[in-house]
Amino acid sequence: MQLPEVPIRDGEIRLGQFIKLANLVETGGIAKEVIASGAVLVNGEVDTRRGKVLRPGDEVQLIDLDSGEPMAGATVGSMVASDTNGGAGDHNGDPDDLGEYFDEATADDDFDPEKWRNM
């Protein structure tokens, strides 16, 4: 089974963080349960340590505990290129562009920055 490669920001990532990043589970709580149950393979071996350090090239799979068959998985990819604009947005050169970090649905249009200045 060919596993998709999920790039990481740093040279290493913890197992619990990676399975969330790779969308193998939805929350950290679910990640903790799945790992503790023994349903996670790291490089073909069961690993129950949520804090296990993964590096590029490591393969992670979720298995069905009843059948032992792989259900989903991902490979830890190489590091993402470093930000050139301070970590903001889609790298179009505008340092004030919030890009993918701005969520229109949760933005508060009634926010008054003057009210909070110098508190």
N, C-alpha and C. Protein backbone atom coordinates (compact mmCIF):
# COMPACT_ATOMS: atom_id res chain seq x y z
N MET A 1 0.85 -1.18 0.00
CA MET A 1 0.00 0.00 0.00
C MET A 1 0.89 1.24 0.00
N GLN A 2 0.71 2.12 -0.99
CA GLN A 2 1.46 3.36 -1.08
C GLN A 2 0.86 4.38 -0.12
N LEU A 3 1.66 4.88 0.81
CA LEU A 3 1.17 5.82 1.80
C LEU A 3 1.45 7.25 1.36
N PRO A 4 0.49 8.16 1.58
CA PRO A 4 0.74 9.57 1.23
C PRO A 4 1.82 10.16 2.13
N GLU A 5 2.59 11.09 1.59
CA GLU A 5 3.65 11.74 2.35
C GLU A 5 3.11 13.04 2.93
N VAL A 6 3.28 13.22 4.24
CA VAL A 6 2.82 14.42 4.93
C VAL A 6 4.05 15.19 5.41
N PRO A 7 4.33 16.37 4.80
CA PRO A 7 5.51 17.13 5.21
C PRO A 7 5.35 17.71 6.62
N ILE A 8 6.45 17.80 7.33
CA ILE A 8 6.44 18.36 8.67
C ILE A 8 7.27 19.64 8.69
N ARG A 9 7.04 20.48 9.70
CA ARG A 9 7.71 21.77 9.78
C ARG A 9 9.15 21.64 10.29
N ASP A 10 9.36 20.82 11.28
CA ASP A 10 10.68 20.64 11.86
C ASP A 10 11.26 19.30 11.41
N GLY A 11 12.42 18.96 11.89
CA GLY A 11 13.05 17.70 11.51
C GLY A 11 12.46 16.49 12.19
N GLU A 12 11.60 16.71 13.19
CA GLU A 12 10.97 15.59 13.89
C GLU A 12 9.61 16.02 14.42
N ILE A 13 8.78 15.02 14.71
CA ILE A 13 7.43 15.26 15.22
C ILE A 13 7.05 14.07 16.09
N ARG A 14 6.23 14.30 17.08
CA ARG A 14 5.79 13.22 17.97
C ARG A 14 4.64 12.46 17.30
N LEU A 15 4.52 11.19 17.64
CA LEU A 15 3.53 10.31 17.03
C LEU A 15 2.11 10.86 17.16
N GLY A 16 1.72 11.28 18.36
CA GLY A 16 0.37 11.82 18.57
C GLY A 16 0.09 13.03 17.71
N GLN A 17 1.08 13.91 17.57
CA GLN A 17 0.92 15.10 16.74
C GLN A 17 0.82 14.72 15.27
N PHE A 18 1.63 13.75 14.85
CA PHE A 18 1.65 13.38 13.44
C PHE A 18 0.34 12.76 12.98
N ILE A 19 -0.25 11.88 13.78
CA ILE A 19 -1.48 11.25 13.30
C ILE A 19 -2.63 12.26 13.23
N LYS A 20 -2.54 13.34 14.02
CA LYS A 20 -3.52 14.43 13.86
C LYS A 20 -3.20 15.23 12.60
N LEU A 21 -1.93 15.58 12.39
CA LEU A 21 -1.52 16.35 11.23
C LEU A 21 -1.88 15.63 9.93
N ALA A 22 -1.72 14.32 9.91
CA ALA A 22 -1.99 13.51 8.72
C ALA A 22 -3.48 13.21 8.56
N ASN A 23 -4.31 13.74 9.46
CA ASN A 23 -5.76 13.52 9.43
C ASN A 23 -6.13 12.05 9.55
N LEU A 24 -5.33 11.30 10.30
CA LEU A 24 -5.67 9.90 10.57
C LEU A 24 -6.66 9.82 11.73
N VAL A 25 -6.65 10.83 12.60
CA VAL A 25 -7.61 10.98 13.69
C VAL A 25 -8.01 12.45 13.76
N GLU A 26 -9.13 12.73 14.44
CA GLU A 26 -9.62 14.10 14.48
C GLU A 26 -9.08 14.92 15.65
N THR A 27 -8.88 14.29 16.81
CA THR A 27 -8.48 15.05 17.99
C THR A 27 -7.32 14.37 18.72
N GLY A 28 -6.72 15.13 19.62
CA GLY A 28 -5.64 14.57 20.44
C GLY A 28 -6.13 13.48 21.36
N GLY A 29 -7.37 13.61 21.85
CA GLY A 29 -7.94 12.59 22.71
C GLY A 29 -8.11 11.27 21.99
N ILE A 30 -8.58 11.35 20.76
CA ILE A 30 -8.74 10.13 19.96
C ILE A 30 -7.36 9.55 19.64
N ALA A 31 -6.40 10.42 19.35
CA ALA A 31 -5.03 9.96 19.08
C ALA A 31 -4.49 9.18 20.27
N LYS A 32 -4.70 9.71 21.47
CA LYS A 32 -4.22 9.05 22.68
C LYS A 32 -4.83 7.66 22.83
N GLU A 33 -6.15 7.56 22.60
CA GLU A 33 -6.85 6.28 22.74
C GLU A 33 -6.38 5.27 21.70
N VAL A 34 -6.27 5.72 20.44
CA VAL A 34 -5.88 4.82 19.35
C VAL A 34 -4.46 4.29 19.57
N ILE A 35 -3.56 5.17 19.98
CA ILE A 35 -2.18 4.75 20.22
C ILE A 35 -2.11 3.78 21.39
N ALA A 36 -2.80 4.10 22.49
CA ALA A 36 -2.78 3.24 23.68
C ALA A 36 -3.39 1.87 23.41
N SER A 37 -4.34 1.79 22.47
CA SER A 37 -4.99 0.52 22.18
C SER A 37 -4.11 -0.42 21.35
N GLY A 38 -3.01 0.10 20.82
CA GLY A 38 -2.13 -0.73 20.01
C GLY A 38 -2.51 -0.79 18.55
N ALA A 39 -3.34 0.16 18.11
CA ALA A 39 -3.81 0.16 16.73
C ALA A 39 -2.94 0.99 15.80
N VAL A 40 -1.74 1.37 16.25
CA VAL A 40 -0.85 2.19 15.42
C VAL A 40 0.46 1.43 15.19
N LEU A 41 0.81 1.33 13.92
CA LEU A 41 2.09 0.74 13.54
C LEU A 41 3.04 1.85 13.12
N VAL A 42 4.26 1.81 13.63
CA VAL A 42 5.31 2.72 13.19
C VAL A 42 6.40 1.87 12.56
N ASN A 43 6.61 2.09 11.28
CA ASN A 43 7.58 1.28 10.51
C ASN A 43 7.32 -0.21 10.67
N GLY A 44 6.03 -0.59 10.66
CA GLY A 44 5.64 -1.99 10.69
C GLY A 44 5.52 -2.63 12.05
N GLU A 45 5.82 -1.88 13.12
CA GLU A 45 5.74 -2.44 14.47
C GLU A 45 4.78 -1.63 15.33
N VAL A 46 4.02 -2.32 16.19
CA VAL A 46 3.08 -1.65 17.09
C VAL A 46 3.86 -0.75 18.04
N ASP A 47 3.38 0.48 18.21
CA ASP A 47 4.01 1.41 19.15
C ASP A 47 2.91 2.09 19.95
N THR A 48 3.01 2.04 21.27
CA THR A 48 1.99 2.62 22.15
C THR A 48 2.49 3.88 22.84
N ARG A 49 3.58 4.45 22.35
CA ARG A 49 4.12 5.68 22.95
C ARG A 49 3.67 6.89 22.14
N ARG A 50 2.79 7.69 22.72
CA ARG A 50 2.29 8.88 22.03
C ARG A 50 3.42 9.86 21.75
N GLY A 51 4.43 9.88 22.60
CA GLY A 51 5.54 10.81 22.45
C GLY A 51 6.69 10.30 21.60
N LYS A 52 6.50 9.15 20.95
CA LYS A 52 7.57 8.60 20.09
C LYS A 52 7.94 9.64 19.04
N VAL A 53 9.23 9.87 18.89
CA VAL A 53 9.72 10.85 17.92
C VAL A 53 9.81 10.21 16.54
N LEU A 54 9.17 10.86 15.57
CA LEU A 54 9.20 10.40 14.18
C LEU A 54 10.07 11.34 13.37
N ARG A 55 10.71 10.80 12.36
CA ARG A 55 11.56 11.59 11.47
C ARG A 55 11.16 11.30 10.03
N PRO A 56 11.56 12.18 9.09
CA PRO A 56 11.20 11.95 7.68
C PRO A 56 11.55 10.53 7.24
N GLY A 57 10.60 9.91 6.55
CA GLY A 57 10.76 8.54 6.07
C GLY A 57 10.05 7.51 6.91
N ASP A 58 9.70 7.86 8.16
CA ASP A 58 8.97 6.92 9.01
C ASP A 58 7.55 6.72 8.47
N GLU A 59 7.06 5.49 8.53
CA GLU A 59 5.71 5.17 8.07
C GLU A 59 4.82 4.88 9.27
N VAL A 60 3.62 5.46 9.25
CA VAL A 60 2.66 5.28 10.33
C VAL A 60 1.37 4.75 9.72
N GLN A 61 0.83 3.67 10.31
CA GLN A 61 -0.42 3.10 9.83
C GLN A 61 -1.36 2.85 11.00
N LEU A 62 -2.65 3.05 10.75
CA LEU A 62 -3.69 2.65 11.70
C LEU A 62 -4.20 1.30 11.23
N ILE A 63 -4.34 0.36 12.17
CA ILE A 63 -4.81 -0.97 11.79
C ILE A 63 -6.12 -1.29 12.49
N ASP A 64 -6.88 -2.19 11.89
CA ASP A 64 -8.09 -2.72 12.50
C ASP A 64 -7.64 -3.79 13.48
N LEU A 65 -7.95 -3.59 14.76
CA LEU A 65 -7.48 -4.53 15.79
C LEU A 65 -8.06 -5.93 15.63
N ASP A 66 -9.25 -6.04 15.05
CA ASP A 66 -9.87 -7.36 14.87
C ASP A 66 -9.19 -8.15 13.75
N SER A 67 -8.99 -7.51 12.61
CA SER A 67 -8.44 -8.23 11.46
C SER A 67 -6.93 -8.04 11.30
N GLY A 68 -6.39 -6.97 11.88
CA GLY A 68 -4.97 -6.67 11.70
C GLY A 68 -4.65 -6.00 10.38
N GLU A 69 -5.69 -5.71 9.60
CA GLU A 69 -5.51 -5.07 8.30
C GLU A 69 -5.32 -3.56 8.45
N PRO A 70 -4.43 -2.97 7.65
CA PRO A 70 -4.24 -1.51 7.68
C PRO A 70 -5.50 -0.80 7.19
N MET A 71 -5.89 0.27 7.90
CA MET A 71 -7.06 1.07 7.50
C MET A 71 -6.64 2.37 6.83
N ALA A 72 -5.58 2.98 7.34
CA ALA A 72 -5.09 4.26 6.81
C ALA A 72 -3.65 4.42 7.24
N GLY A 73 -2.96 5.34 6.59
CA GLY A 73 -1.58 5.56 6.98
C GLY A 73 -0.98 6.75 6.27
N ALA A 74 0.23 7.10 6.66
CA ALA A 74 0.95 8.21 6.05
C ALA A 74 2.44 8.04 6.33
N THR A 75 3.24 8.67 5.49
CA THR A 75 4.69 8.69 5.67
C THR A 75 5.10 10.08 6.10
N VAL A 76 6.00 10.16 7.07
CA VAL A 76 6.52 11.46 7.50
C VAL A 76 7.37 12.01 6.37
N GLY A 77 6.99 13.19 5.88
CA GLY A 77 7.70 13.79 4.76
C GLY A 77 8.84 14.69 5.20
N SER A 78 9.53 15.22 4.23
CA SER A 78 10.63 16.15 4.49
C SER A 78 10.09 17.44 5.07
N MET A 79 11.00 18.22 5.59
CA MET A 79 10.61 19.49 6.20
C MET A 79 10.02 20.43 5.16
N VAL A 80 9.01 21.19 5.59
CA VAL A 80 8.42 22.23 4.76
C VAL A 80 9.43 23.36 4.68
N ALA A 81 9.53 24.03 3.53
CA ALA A 81 10.46 25.16 3.39
C ALA A 81 10.14 26.22 4.42
N SER A 82 11.18 26.85 4.95
CA SER A 82 10.97 27.87 5.98
C SER A 82 10.27 29.09 5.40
N ASP A 83 9.52 29.77 6.28
CA ASP A 83 8.77 30.96 5.88
C ASP A 83 9.72 32.11 5.57
N THR A 84 9.38 32.87 4.53
CA THR A 84 10.17 34.04 4.19
C THR A 84 9.47 35.32 4.61
N ASN A 85 8.24 35.21 5.08
CA ASN A 85 7.51 36.43 5.47
C ASN A 85 7.01 36.34 6.90
N GLY A 86 7.81 35.76 7.76
CA GLY A 86 7.46 35.75 9.17
C GLY A 86 6.37 34.77 9.54
N GLY A 87 6.09 33.78 8.72
CA GLY A 87 5.11 32.77 9.05
C GLY A 87 3.70 33.12 8.65
N ALA A 88 3.51 34.25 7.99
CA ALA A 88 2.15 34.66 7.65
C ALA A 88 1.81 34.26 6.23
N GLY A 89 0.77 33.50 6.09
CA GLY A 89 0.07 33.34 4.84
C GLY A 89 0.69 32.54 3.73
N ASP A 90 0.39 33.00 2.51
CA ASP A 90 0.67 32.20 1.34
C ASP A 90 1.90 32.66 0.57
N HIS A 91 2.82 33.34 1.21
CA HIS A 91 4.12 33.69 0.65
C HIS A 91 4.04 34.54 -0.61
N ASN A 92 3.12 35.50 -0.65
CA ASN A 92 3.05 36.36 -1.82
C ASN A 92 3.84 37.64 -1.63
N GLY A 93 4.65 37.73 -0.57
CA GLY A 93 5.51 38.87 -0.36
C GLY A 93 4.93 39.94 0.53
N ASP A 94 3.65 39.90 0.81
CA ASP A 94 3.02 40.91 1.66
C ASP A 94 3.05 40.41 3.10
N PRO A 95 3.86 41.04 3.98
CA PRO A 95 3.97 40.54 5.35
C PRO A 95 2.69 40.68 6.15
N ASP A 96 1.75 41.51 5.70
CA ASP A 96 0.50 41.67 6.42
C ASP A 96 -0.58 40.71 5.95
N ASP A 97 -0.29 39.95 4.90
CA ASP A 97 -1.27 39.01 4.38
C ASP A 97 -1.39 37.83 5.34
N LEU A 98 -2.58 37.59 5.86
CA LEU A 98 -2.78 36.51 6.80
C LEU A 98 -3.02 35.18 6.11
N GLY A 99 -3.26 35.20 4.82
CA GLY A 99 -3.38 33.99 4.03
C GLY A 99 -4.26 32.94 4.67
N GLU A 100 -3.75 31.72 4.77
CA GLU A 100 -4.53 30.61 5.28
C GLU A 100 -4.78 30.67 6.78
N TYR A 101 -4.12 31.58 7.48
CA TYR A 101 -4.30 31.65 8.93
C TYR A 101 -5.53 32.47 9.32
N PHE A 102 -6.09 33.23 8.40
CA PHE A 102 -7.26 34.05 8.69
C PHE A 102 -8.52 33.24 8.44
N ASP A 103 -9.38 33.18 9.42
CA ASP A 103 -10.62 32.42 9.30
C ASP A 103 -11.79 33.39 9.31
N GLU A 104 -12.35 33.65 8.15
CA GLU A 104 -13.43 34.61 8.00
C GLU A 104 -14.64 34.25 8.86
N ALA A 105 -14.89 32.96 9.02
CA ALA A 105 -16.08 32.52 9.76
C ALA A 105 -16.00 32.89 11.24
N THR A 106 -14.80 32.96 11.80
CA THR A 106 -14.69 33.27 13.22
C THR A 106 -14.20 34.69 13.49
N ALA A 107 -14.01 35.48 12.44
CA ALA A 107 -13.56 36.85 12.62
C ALA A 107 -14.66 37.66 13.30
N ASP A 108 -14.26 38.54 14.20
CA ASP A 108 -15.21 39.38 14.92
C ASP A 108 -15.20 40.76 14.29
N ASP A 109 -16.25 41.07 13.51
CA ASP A 109 -16.32 42.36 12.82
C ASP A 109 -16.52 43.52 13.77
N ASP A 110 -16.96 43.26 15.00
CA ASP A 110 -17.19 44.33 15.96
C ASP A 110 -15.98 44.60 16.84
N PHE A 111 -14.85 43.97 16.56
CA PHE A 111 -13.66 44.16 17.38
C PHE A 111 -13.11 45.56 17.19
N ASP A 112 -12.86 46.26 18.29
CA ASP A 112 -12.31 47.61 18.26
C ASP A 112 -10.92 47.57 18.89
N PRO A 113 -9.85 47.67 18.08
CA PRO A 113 -8.50 47.57 18.63
C PRO A 113 -8.16 48.71 19.59
N GLU A 114 -8.76 49.88 19.39
CA GLU A 114 -8.49 51.01 20.28
C GLU A 114 -8.93 50.72 21.70
N LYS A 115 -9.97 49.94 21.83
CA LYS A 115 -10.50 49.60 23.14
C LYS A 115 -9.48 48.77 23.94
N TRP A 116 -8.66 47.99 23.24
CA TRP A 116 -7.73 47.08 23.89
C TRP A 116 -6.30 47.60 23.93
N ARG A 117 -6.05 48.71 23.24
CA ARG A 117 -4.70 49.25 23.19
C ARG A 117 -4.27 49.75 24.57
N ASN A 118 -3.06 49.47 24.95
CA ASN A 118 -2.46 49.93 26.22
C ASN A 118 -3.21 49.48 27.45
N MET A 119 -3.70 48.28 27.45
CA MET A 119 -4.38 47.77 28.65
C MET A 119 -3.38 47.29 29.65
